[in-house]
Every structure is written in structure tokens, then in C-alpha cells.
Amino acid sequence: MFDSPFMSLPGISPQEYAYLQSATTGFSEQQLRAFLMIYSSKRRNPDDMILYCILGFFVFGLSRFLVGQIGMGILYFFTAGLCFIGTIIDLINHKSLAFEYNQKMVFESLQMVKMGNL
């Protein structure tokens, strides 16, 4: 586990580690490096998400915009984070917000690696 290239990702959780391991099963060393390079540039660190959620009290919807939920970001922006309740919930659930976004980025990164090998 400690020799895995996924351990170089800052703030990686055991859940994300297991997901990455299963998603990249059967990859060659070169494919794994390409995947890791693409994924690490798209990934959101859960530790950084808590900062974005705190900043969401001043810039409403920031955390939602950063995870690609543009509609929710606009809603938060015009409703002051749903009267701060949505922002507080995002602050509590910052790890799940990051993990859901990272799951989408794993899929996109896998597609890019597979297209590069055609």
C-alpha cells in the first residue's frame, strides 16, 4: 500500500484509495502514470474543500462551483447559500462533496488514458 503511486495524492482517504485501486486494475505502469498525471490535475483535495466551504460564507456557492455543480452554485449565490443552511451542510459534508467530484474525475481520466492507447 505504501509503495502505491496513489499515496502521493494529498489528503487521499482510504475510500478514495480503494476506488482508485479498483478502477485501475490491470493497467500497465505507463498507463498508471498517465492516469495519475491526468487525475491529479483534476482532483479536489478534501482538505482544501473545507477551506472552500468556509469561504462559501463570503462568496456564496464557491464550493459548488468548484465541484462542477453550476446550477447549485448559482442557487447558492442568489440565496446566500440557501440562507447559510446549505453552506453549513456543505461544510459538514465536505469530504463527500470532494469524493463525488473525484469519482467523476476518475471516470474522465480513465477515458482519456484509454483514448490515448488507441
C-alpha atoms as a PDB file:
ATOM      1  CA  MET A   1       0.000   0.000   0.000  1.00  0.00           C
ATOM      2  CA  PHE A   2       2.814   2.441   0.845  1.00  0.00           C
ATOM      3  CA  ASP A   3       4.567   1.782  -2.471  1.00  0.00           C
ATOM      4  CA  SER A   4       1.453   2.751  -4.385  1.00  0.00           C
ATOM      5  CA  PRO A   5       1.660   5.884  -6.535  1.00  0.00           C
ATOM      6  CA  PHE A   6      -1.779   6.879  -5.216  1.00  0.00           C
ATOM      7  CA  MET A   7      -0.262   7.626  -1.813  1.00  0.00           C
ATOM      8  CA  SER A   8       1.392  10.686  -3.337  1.00  0.00           C
ATOM      9  CA  LEU A   9      -2.038  12.329  -3.673  1.00  0.00           C
ATOM     10  CA  PRO A  10      -2.503  14.838  -0.840  1.00  0.00           C
ATOM     11  CA  GLY A  11      -5.330  14.070   1.580  1.00  0.00           C
ATOM     12  CA  ILE A  12      -6.263  10.720  -0.002  1.00  0.00           C
ATOM     13  CA  SER A  13      -8.821   8.801   2.036  1.00  0.00           C
ATOM     14  CA  PRO A  14      -8.982   5.005   2.333  1.00  0.00           C
ATOM     15  CA  GLN A  15     -12.270   5.097   0.410  1.00  0.00           C
ATOM     16  CA  GLU A  16     -10.710   7.028  -2.480  1.00  0.00           C
ATOM     17  CA  TYR A  17      -7.623   4.789  -2.414  1.00  0.00           C
ATOM     18  CA  ALA A  18      -9.763   1.642  -2.717  1.00  0.00           C
ATOM     19  CA  TYR A  19     -11.786   3.238  -5.532  1.00  0.00           C
ATOM     20  CA  LEU A  20      -8.635   4.144  -7.452  1.00  0.00           C
ATOM     21  CA  GLN A  21      -7.170   0.672  -6.954  1.00  0.00           C
ATOM     22  CA  SER A  22     -10.283  -0.992  -8.370  1.00  0.00           C
ATOM     23  CA  ALA A  23     -10.599   1.490 -11.243  1.00  0.00           C
ATOM     24  CA  THR A  24      -7.028   0.995 -12.436  1.00  0.00           C
ATOM     25  CA  THR A  25      -6.818  -2.765 -12.078  1.00  0.00           C
ATOM     26  CA  GLY A  26      -4.899  -4.241 -14.981  1.00  0.00           C
ATOM     27  CA  PHE A  27      -3.192  -1.004 -16.011  1.00  0.00           C
ATOM     28  CA  SER A  28       0.408  -1.103 -17.150  1.00  0.00           C
ATOM     29  CA  GLU A  29       2.987   1.103 -15.424  1.00  0.00           C
ATOM     30  CA  GLN A  30       2.824   3.605 -18.284  1.00  0.00           C
ATOM     31  CA  GLN A  31      -0.985   3.748 -18.232  1.00  0.00           C
ATOM     32  CA  LEU A  32      -0.964   4.163 -14.466  1.00  0.00           C
ATOM     33  CA  ARG A  33       1.481   7.082 -14.668  1.00  0.00           C
ATOM     34  CA  ALA A  34      -0.594   8.742 -17.409  1.00  0.00           C
ATOM     35  CA  PHE A  35      -3.771   8.246 -15.382  1.00  0.00           C
ATOM     36  CA  LEU A  36      -2.168   9.629 -12.234  1.00  0.00           C
ATOM     37  CA  MET A  37      -0.872  12.690 -14.069  1.00  0.00           C
ATOM     38  CA  ILE A  38      -4.310  13.478 -15.534  1.00  0.00           C
ATOM     39  CA  TYR A  39      -6.248  12.648 -12.376  1.00  0.00           C
ATOM     40  CA  SER A  40      -4.037  14.604 -10.002  1.00  0.00           C
ATOM     41  CA  SER A  41      -4.532  17.758 -12.066  1.00  0.00           C
ATOM     42  CA  LYS A  42      -8.345  17.413 -11.937  1.00  0.00           C
ATOM     43  CA  ARG A  43      -8.755  16.104  -8.391  1.00  0.00           C
ATOM     44  CA  ARG A  44     -10.055  18.147  -5.456  1.00  0.00           C
ATOM     45  CA  ASN A  45      -8.310  17.599  -2.139  1.00  0.00           C
ATOM     46  CA  PRO A  46     -10.857  17.034   0.664  1.00  0.00           C
ATOM     47  CA  ASP A  47      -8.685  19.125   2.985  1.00  0.00           C
ATOM     48  CA  ASP A  48      -8.898  22.043   0.562  1.00  0.00           C
ATOM     49  CA  MET A  49     -12.662  21.580   0.207  1.00  0.00           C
ATOM     50  CA  ILE A  50     -13.161  22.552   3.838  1.00  0.00           C
ATOM     51  CA  LEU A  51     -11.416  25.848   3.093  1.00  0.00           C
ATOM     52  CA  TYR A  52     -13.623  26.407   0.039  1.00  0.00           C
ATOM     53  CA  CYS A  53     -16.711  25.675   2.149  1.00  0.00           C
ATOM     54  CA  ILE A  54     -15.625  28.210   4.772  1.00  0.00           C
ATOM     55  CA  LEU A  55     -15.025  30.764   2.025  1.00  0.00           C
ATOM     56  CA  GLY A  56     -18.562  29.927   0.877  1.00  0.00           C
ATOM     57  CA  PHE A  57     -19.842  32.054   3.748  1.00  0.00           C
ATOM     58  CA  PHE A  58     -18.381  35.090   1.958  1.00  0.00           C
ATOM     59  CA  VAL A  59     -18.504  34.003  -1.706  1.00  0.00           C
ATOM     60  CA  PHE A  60     -21.792  32.134  -1.820  1.00  0.00           C
ATOM     61  CA  GLY A  61     -21.744  28.923  -3.846  1.00  0.00           C
ATOM     62  CA  LEU A  62     -17.944  28.752  -4.226  1.00  0.00           C
ATOM     63  CA  SER A  63     -17.663  25.102  -3.196  1.00  0.00           C
ATOM     64  CA  ARG A  64     -20.469  24.099  -5.571  1.00  0.00           C
ATOM     65  CA  PHE A  65     -18.891  25.942  -8.492  1.00  0.00           C
ATOM     66  CA  LEU A  66     -15.546  24.249  -7.808  1.00  0.00           C
ATOM     67  CA  VAL A  67     -17.064  20.761  -7.913  1.00  0.00           C
ATOM     68  CA  GLY A  68     -18.830  21.475 -11.184  1.00  0.00           C
ATOM     69  CA  GLN A  69     -22.351  21.909  -9.811  1.00  0.00           C
ATOM     70  CA  ILE A  70     -23.008  25.173 -11.618  1.00  0.00           C
ATOM     71  CA  GLY A  71     -26.782  25.168 -11.076  1.00  0.00           C
ATOM     72  CA  MET A  72     -26.437  24.685  -7.329  1.00  0.00           C
ATOM     73  CA  GLY A  73     -23.681  27.299  -7.273  1.00  0.00           C
ATOM     74  CA  ILE A  74     -25.973  29.844  -8.898  1.00  0.00           C
ATOM     75  CA  LEU A  75     -28.770  28.913  -6.484  1.00  0.00           C
ATOM     76  CA  TYR A  76     -26.440  29.309  -3.503  1.00  0.00           C
ATOM     77  CA  PHE A  77     -25.156  32.595  -4.920  1.00  0.00           C
ATOM     78  CA  PHE A  78     -28.594  34.187  -5.196  1.00  0.00           C
ATOM     79  CA  THR A  79     -29.988  32.755  -1.941  1.00  0.00           C
ATOM     80  CA  ALA A  80     -26.957  33.449   0.287  1.00  0.00           C
ATOM     81  CA  GLY A  81     -26.070  29.778   0.497  1.00  0.00           C
ATOM     82  CA  LEU A  82     -29.740  28.899   0.993  1.00  0.00           C
ATOM     83  CA  CYS A  83     -29.742  31.271   3.968  1.00  0.00           C
ATOM     84  CA  PHE A  84     -26.428  29.762   5.143  1.00  0.00           C
ATOM     85  CA  ILE A  85     -28.052  26.381   5.827  1.00  0.00           C
ATOM     86  CA  GLY A  86     -26.739  24.839   2.595  1.00  0.00           C
ATOM     87  CA  THR A  87     -23.287  26.262   3.242  1.00  0.00           C
ATOM     88  CA  ILE A  88     -23.247  24.742   6.739  1.00  0.00           C
ATOM     89  CA  ILE A  89     -24.327  21.381   5.323  1.00  0.00           C
ATOM     90  CA  ASP A  90     -21.560  21.613   2.706  1.00  0.00           C
ATOM     91  CA  LEU A  91     -19.083  22.355   5.483  1.00  0.00           C
ATOM     92  CA  ILE A  92     -20.165  19.212   7.314  1.00  0.00           C
ATOM     93  CA  ASN A  93     -20.187  17.077   4.136  1.00  0.00           C
ATOM     94  CA  HIS A  94     -17.035  18.492   2.527  1.00  0.00           C
ATOM     95  CA  LYS A  95     -15.406  15.061   2.225  1.00  0.00           C
ATOM     96  CA  SER A  96     -18.354  13.548   0.385  1.00  0.00           C
ATOM     97  CA  LEU A  97     -18.520  16.567  -1.953  1.00  0.00           C
ATOM     98  CA  ALA A  98     -14.861  16.068  -2.813  1.00  0.00           C
ATOM     99  CA  PHE A  99     -15.238  12.285  -3.193  1.00  0.00           C
ATOM    100  CA  GLU A 100     -18.229  12.544  -5.533  1.00  0.00           C
ATOM    101  CA  TYR A 101     -16.389  15.068  -7.692  1.00  0.00           C
ATOM    102  CA  ASN A 102     -13.247  12.921  -7.663  1.00  0.00           C
ATOM    103  CA  GLN A 103     -15.248   9.882  -8.777  1.00  0.00           C
ATOM    104  CA  LYS A 104     -16.314  11.806 -11.877  1.00  0.00           C
ATOM    105  CA  MET A 105     -12.717  12.846 -12.479  1.00  0.00           C
ATOM    106  CA  VAL A 106     -11.573   9.212 -12.204  1.00  0.00           C
ATOM    107  CA  PHE A 107     -14.017   8.289 -14.956  1.00  0.00           C
ATOM    108  CA  GLU A 108     -12.891  11.194 -17.173  1.00  0.00           C
ATOM    109  CA  SER A 109      -9.222  10.401 -16.564  1.00  0.00           C
ATOM    110  CA  LEU A 110      -9.765   6.720 -17.376  1.00  0.00           C
ATOM    111  CA  GLN A 111     -11.433   7.672 -20.651  1.00  0.00           C
ATOM    112  CA  MET A 112      -8.539   9.947 -21.571  1.00  0.00           C
ATOM    113  CA  VAL A 113      -5.966   7.230 -20.835  1.00  0.00           C
ATOM    114  CA  LYS A 114      -7.926   4.650 -22.830  1.00  0.00           C
ATOM    115  CA  MET A 115      -8.301   7.027 -25.784  1.00  0.00           C
ATOM    116  CA  GLY A 116      -4.560   7.684 -25.759  1.00  0.00           C
ATOM    117  CA  ASN A 117      -3.851   3.985 -26.293  1.00  0.00           C
ATOM    118  CA  LEU A 118      -5.939   3.589 -29.455  1.00  0.00           C
END
